[in-house]
Amino acid sequence: MCIIIVASEKPDFELLDKAEWDNPHGGGIAWREAGKVNFKKGIDAEDIFEIIKNTPSPHVIHFRIATVGGEVPKLTHPFPIGGGLELEGKADSVIFHNGHWGEWKQRLMESQLKAPMPQGPWSDTRAIAHLSQVYNNIEWISLFTDYYEFKGYGNKVAVMDTKRIKFFGNWVKHEGKDTIWLSHELLSKKDLKEYNRSRGIAEPYTIPHYKATGLVTNFEKNLQSFLNDKDYDDFDAYTKDKGIGGLRNK
């Protein structure tokens, strides 16, 4: 599942890195400048972080897991209203999507009665952007986001224009902050452990963690004392009786 980050304050690199690690098929970003929505996509977390440092907030950021359309840079997000495939540009509004819209092909075919279908690769999100121009509004998006929410399948959309950011679907605060919103929780506990291992980050309450805090020295000392004491075969009982506090004793 992709992820959208809407940030009215500049997010740190760790947030971007975690989002990209979990959604590795291309990132994109949009921001307002000179009366237009600027966007760039088909880029990575480091590129996005550099853009954030040099552009005004707010920012809307997306990292993609390729489903419909495959791993194609032009199908990363955002899309300008109309569904253009530019990797960089300026627009009046752009669309980001998290989830899967199952009826997009049918709706796209129906829309050809009103407007011809542009050339190039397609995905459900590009279809949303194209249909928003065909229908001349974005409010129709709530029809499928609300339906999928009711069915228990999350679909989230963010539309950034020159004055506002419109949210569709249920969003969550990042670490309780009103200034950063996510289309879903960032990483599960299992995924966070895998991320930490991939980045060489010590997990709390592990030997690497205690080495980093200096407490492992006490643990090793207490453990060696326990091993040398022939009267005990239970480490917890030994540390309790000796009053040395086990791992946390200094």
Protein backbone atom coordinates (compact mmCIF):
# COMPACT_ATOMS: atom_id res chain seq x y z
CA MET A 1 0.00 0.00 0.00
CA CYS A 2 1.28 3.47 -0.88
CA ILE A 3 1.48 6.30 1.65
CA ILE A 4 0.67 10.02 1.49
CA ILE A 5 2.23 12.53 3.90
CA VAL A 6 0.65 15.97 4.29
CA ALA A 7 2.99 18.22 6.23
CA SER A 8 2.42 21.82 7.25
CA GLU A 9 5.83 21.70 8.95
CA LYS A 10 8.97 20.31 7.37
CA PRO A 11 9.20 16.56 8.13
CA ASP A 12 12.53 15.02 9.13
CA PHE A 13 14.42 12.62 6.90
CA GLU A 14 13.65 9.60 9.11
CA LEU A 15 9.94 9.88 8.31
CA LEU A 16 10.67 10.02 4.58
CA ASP A 17 13.16 7.16 4.80
CA LYS A 18 10.69 4.89 6.60
CA ALA A 19 7.94 5.75 4.12
CA GLU A 20 10.21 4.99 1.16
CA TRP A 21 11.54 1.78 2.71
CA ASP A 22 7.97 0.48 2.96
CA ASN A 23 6.92 1.88 -0.44
CA PRO A 24 10.01 1.67 -2.67
CA HIS A 25 8.69 2.23 -6.20
CA GLY A 26 9.07 5.97 -6.52
CA GLY A 27 8.28 9.15 -4.67
CA GLY A 28 6.81 12.54 -5.47
CA ILE A 29 6.14 15.88 -3.85
CA ALA A 30 4.05 19.02 -4.35
CA TRP A 31 4.27 22.50 -2.85
CA ARG A 32 2.93 25.99 -3.54
CA GLU A 33 5.12 28.67 -5.03
CA ALA A 34 4.53 31.77 -7.18
CA GLY A 35 0.77 31.21 -7.29
CA LYS A 36 1.01 27.66 -8.63
CA VAL A 37 1.25 24.12 -7.32
CA ASN A 38 4.73 22.88 -8.17
CA PHE A 39 5.39 19.16 -8.35
CA LYS A 40 8.17 16.70 -9.02
CA LYS A 41 7.97 12.91 -9.07
CA GLY A 42 9.82 9.74 -9.99
CA ILE A 43 12.36 10.69 -7.31
CA ASP A 44 13.62 9.25 -4.02
CA ALA A 45 13.51 10.29 -0.36
CA GLU A 46 16.84 12.14 -0.53
CA ASP A 47 15.64 14.20 -3.50
CA ILE A 48 12.39 14.97 -1.70
CA PHE A 49 14.21 16.02 1.48
CA GLU A 50 16.37 18.46 -0.51
CA ILE A 51 13.25 19.97 -2.11
CA ILE A 52 11.61 20.34 1.32
CA LYS A 53 14.63 22.20 2.68
CA ASN A 54 14.49 24.74 -0.14
CA THR A 55 10.74 25.28 -0.63
CA PRO A 56 7.92 26.70 1.51
CA SER A 57 5.52 24.54 3.51
CA PRO A 58 3.04 22.92 3.27
CA HIS A 59 4.18 19.86 1.32
CA VAL A 60 2.30 16.80 0.15
CA ILE A 61 4.50 13.73 -0.37
CA HIS A 62 3.80 10.30 -1.78
CA PHE A 63 5.72 7.01 -1.92
CA ARG A 64 4.38 4.30 -4.18
CA ILE A 65 4.08 0.53 -4.21
CA ALA A 66 3.43 -0.35 -7.81
CA THR A 67 0.14 -2.18 -8.38
CA VAL A 68 -1.85 -0.97 -11.38
CA GLY A 69 0.49 -0.06 -14.23
CA GLY A 70 3.72 -1.47 -12.80
CA GLU A 71 6.94 0.31 -11.81
CA VAL A 72 6.76 3.26 -14.18
CA PRO A 73 8.15 6.67 -13.06
CA LYS A 74 5.37 8.48 -14.94
CA LEU A 75 2.81 6.64 -12.78
CA THR A 76 4.26 7.90 -9.50
CA HIS A 77 2.27 10.63 -7.78
CA PRO A 78 1.10 13.36 -7.99
CA PHE A 79 -0.88 13.79 -11.19
CA PRO A 80 -2.09 17.21 -12.28
CA ILE A 81 -5.86 17.43 -12.78
CA GLY A 82 -6.34 16.08 -16.27
CA GLY A 83 -3.98 13.15 -15.82
CA GLY A 84 -0.84 14.45 -17.51
CA LEU A 85 2.30 12.32 -17.26
CA GLU A 86 4.89 15.06 -16.69
CA LEU A 87 7.57 14.20 -14.14
CA GLU A 88 7.93 17.85 -13.15
CA GLY A 89 5.83 20.93 -13.62
CA LYS A 90 3.32 23.49 -12.35
CA ALA A 91 -0.45 23.18 -12.15
CA ASP A 92 -3.54 24.65 -10.54
CA SER A 93 -4.11 21.40 -8.60
CA VAL A 94 -2.65 17.92 -8.27
CA ILE A 95 -3.90 14.58 -6.94
CA PHE A 96 -2.32 11.95 -4.67
CA HIS A 97 -3.94 8.56 -3.99
CA ASN A 98 -3.42 5.73 -1.51
CA GLY A 99 -5.39 2.52 -2.10
CA HIS A 100 -6.95 0.80 -5.08
CA TRP A 101 -10.04 1.84 -7.03
CA GLY A 102 -11.42 -1.27 -8.69
CA GLU A 103 -13.86 0.40 -11.10
CA TRP A 104 -11.43 2.79 -12.76
CA LYS A 105 -11.35 1.08 -16.17
CA GLN A 106 -15.12 1.01 -16.47
CA ARG A 107 -15.45 4.69 -15.49
CA LEU A 108 -12.65 5.62 -17.87
CA MET A 109 -14.32 3.89 -20.80
CA GLU A 110 -17.63 5.59 -20.00
CA SER A 111 -15.92 8.98 -19.92
CA GLN A 112 -14.83 8.71 -23.55
CA LEU A 113 -18.28 9.88 -24.53
CA LYS A 114 -17.35 13.25 -22.97
CA ALA A 115 -13.59 13.43 -23.60
CA PRO A 116 -11.04 11.30 -25.50
CA MET A 117 -8.72 9.17 -23.40
CA PRO A 118 -5.13 10.51 -23.46
CA GLN A 119 -2.29 8.25 -24.60
CA GLY A 120 0.32 6.60 -22.38
CA PRO A 121 0.39 4.23 -19.39
CA TRP A 122 -2.59 4.17 -17.06
CA SER A 123 -3.29 3.53 -13.40
CA ASP A 124 -6.32 4.06 -11.20
CA THR A 125 -4.81 7.29 -9.86
CA ARG A 126 -4.19 8.73 -13.31
CA ALA A 127 -7.82 7.85 -14.09
CA ILE A 128 -8.96 9.79 -11.00
CA ALA A 129 -7.00 12.83 -12.17
CA HIS A 130 -8.39 12.57 -15.71
CA LEU A 131 -11.99 12.07 -14.58
CA SER A 132 -11.74 15.06 -12.22
CA GLN A 133 -11.18 17.21 -15.29
CA VAL A 134 -13.93 15.47 -17.26
CA TYR A 135 -16.43 16.00 -14.43
CA ASN A 136 -15.04 19.49 -13.74
CA ASN A 137 -14.92 18.91 -9.98
CA ILE A 138 -13.21 16.75 -7.37
CA GLU A 139 -16.13 16.15 -5.00
CA TRP A 140 -17.11 12.99 -6.90
CA ILE A 141 -13.99 11.34 -5.39
CA SER A 142 -15.82 10.96 -2.06
CA LEU A 143 -18.27 8.57 -3.75
CA PHE A 144 -15.67 5.81 -4.02
CA THR A 145 -13.55 6.72 -0.97
CA ASP A 146 -16.63 6.64 1.29
CA TYR A 147 -17.82 3.39 -0.30
CA TYR A 148 -14.49 1.64 0.17
CA GLU A 149 -14.24 2.97 3.72
CA PHE A 150 -17.66 1.46 4.43
CA LYS A 151 -16.48 -1.87 2.97
CA GLY A 152 -13.34 -1.80 5.11
CA TYR A 153 -10.88 -1.06 2.31
CA GLY A 154 -9.10 2.23 2.84
CA ASN A 155 -8.87 4.63 -0.10
CA LYS A 156 -7.36 8.02 0.66
CA VAL A 157 -6.96 10.96 -1.70
CA ALA A 158 -5.33 14.35 -1.19
CA VAL A 159 -5.88 17.19 -3.67
CA MET A 160 -3.58 20.18 -3.37
CA ASP A 161 -4.59 23.38 -5.13
CA THR A 162 -3.30 26.94 -4.84
CA LYS A 163 -5.37 27.66 -1.70
CA ARG A 164 -6.16 24.43 0.16
CA ILE A 165 -5.48 20.73 0.60
CA LYS A 166 -8.63 18.61 0.35
CA PHE A 167 -8.64 15.27 2.19
CA PHE A 168 -10.79 12.28 1.20
CA GLY A 169 -10.99 9.23 3.52
CA ASN A 170 -9.84 8.82 7.11
CA TRP A 171 -6.35 10.05 7.95
CA VAL A 172 -4.11 9.70 11.02
CA LYS A 173 -1.84 12.13 12.83
CA HIS A 174 1.87 11.30 12.79
CA GLU A 175 2.99 10.92 16.42
CA GLY A 176 -0.04 12.91 17.52
CA LYS A 177 1.00 16.03 15.61
CA ASP A 178 -1.60 18.27 13.97
CA THR A 179 1.11 19.41 11.56
CA ILE A 180 1.79 16.05 9.86
CA TRP A 181 -0.98 13.74 8.62
CA LEU A 182 -0.58 10.28 7.09
CA SER A 183 -2.93 8.29 4.90
CA HIS A 184 -2.28 5.33 7.24
CA GLU A 185 0.01 4.38 10.12
CA LEU A 186 3.63 4.38 9.00
CA LEU A 187 5.04 0.96 9.98
CA SER A 188 3.73 -2.06 11.85
CA LYS A 189 5.82 -3.31 14.79
CA LYS A 190 7.14 -6.12 12.62
CA ASP A 191 8.02 -3.78 9.77
CA LEU A 192 9.67 -1.34 12.18
CA LYS A 193 11.95 -4.11 13.46
CA GLU A 194 12.90 -5.02 9.90
CA TYR A 195 13.50 -1.36 9.06
CA ASN A 196 15.72 -0.92 12.13
CA ARG A 197 17.75 -4.00 11.20
CA SER A 198 18.16 -2.74 7.63
CA ARG A 199 19.47 0.59 8.95
CA GLY A 200 21.62 -0.85 11.73
CA ILE A 201 19.48 0.75 14.45
CA ALA A 202 19.54 -1.03 17.82
CA GLU A 203 16.15 -2.20 19.06
CA PRO A 204 15.19 -1.08 22.61
CA TYR A 205 15.91 -3.67 25.33
CA THR A 206 18.45 -5.59 23.26
CA ILE A 207 22.18 -6.02 23.82
CA PRO A 208 23.07 -3.51 21.06
CA HIS A 209 20.72 -0.99 22.71
CA TYR A 210 22.30 -1.44 26.12
CA LYS A 211 25.78 -1.19 24.65
CA ALA A 212 24.76 2.16 23.22
CA THR A 213 23.45 3.32 26.62
CA GLY A 214 26.37 1.94 28.63
CA LEU A 215 24.16 -0.39 30.69
CA VAL A 216 25.35 -3.57 29.02
CA THR A 217 28.58 -3.38 30.99
CA ASN A 218 26.59 -3.88 34.21
CA PHE A 219 24.64 -6.74 32.68
CA GLU A 220 27.81 -8.52 31.57
CA LYS A 221 29.39 -8.01 35.01
CA ASN A 222 26.30 -9.34 36.81
CA LEU A 223 25.99 -12.27 34.45
CA GLN A 224 29.62 -13.25 34.95
CA SER A 225 29.17 -13.09 38.75
CA PHE A 226 26.12 -15.33 38.43
CA LEU A 227 28.01 -17.87 36.33
CA ASN A 228 30.82 -17.98 38.93
CA ASP A 229 28.43 -18.53 41.83
CA LYS A 230 27.73 -22.26 42.22
CA ASP A 231 24.83 -21.71 44.64
CA TYR A 232 22.47 -20.29 42.00
CA ASP A 233 21.00 -21.66 38.80
CA ASP A 234 18.43 -18.86 38.23
CA PHE A 235 19.73 -15.49 37.12
CA ASP A 236 16.60 -13.52 38.19
CA ALA A 237 16.73 -15.04 41.69
CA TYR A 238 20.46 -14.33 41.90
CA THR A 239 20.15 -10.65 41.03
CA LYS A 240 17.20 -10.24 43.40
CA ASP A 241 18.97 -11.87 46.34
CA LYS A 242 22.18 -9.97 45.74
CA GLY A 243 20.31 -6.69 45.29
CA ILE A 244 22.25 -5.88 42.16
CA GLY A 245 19.20 -5.12 40.03
CA GLY A 246 20.12 -7.21 37.02
CA LEU A 247 20.33 -5.35 33.76
CA ARG A 248 19.56 -1.89 35.06
CA ASN A 249 21.88 -1.89 38.11
CA LYS A 250 24.72 0.64 37.89
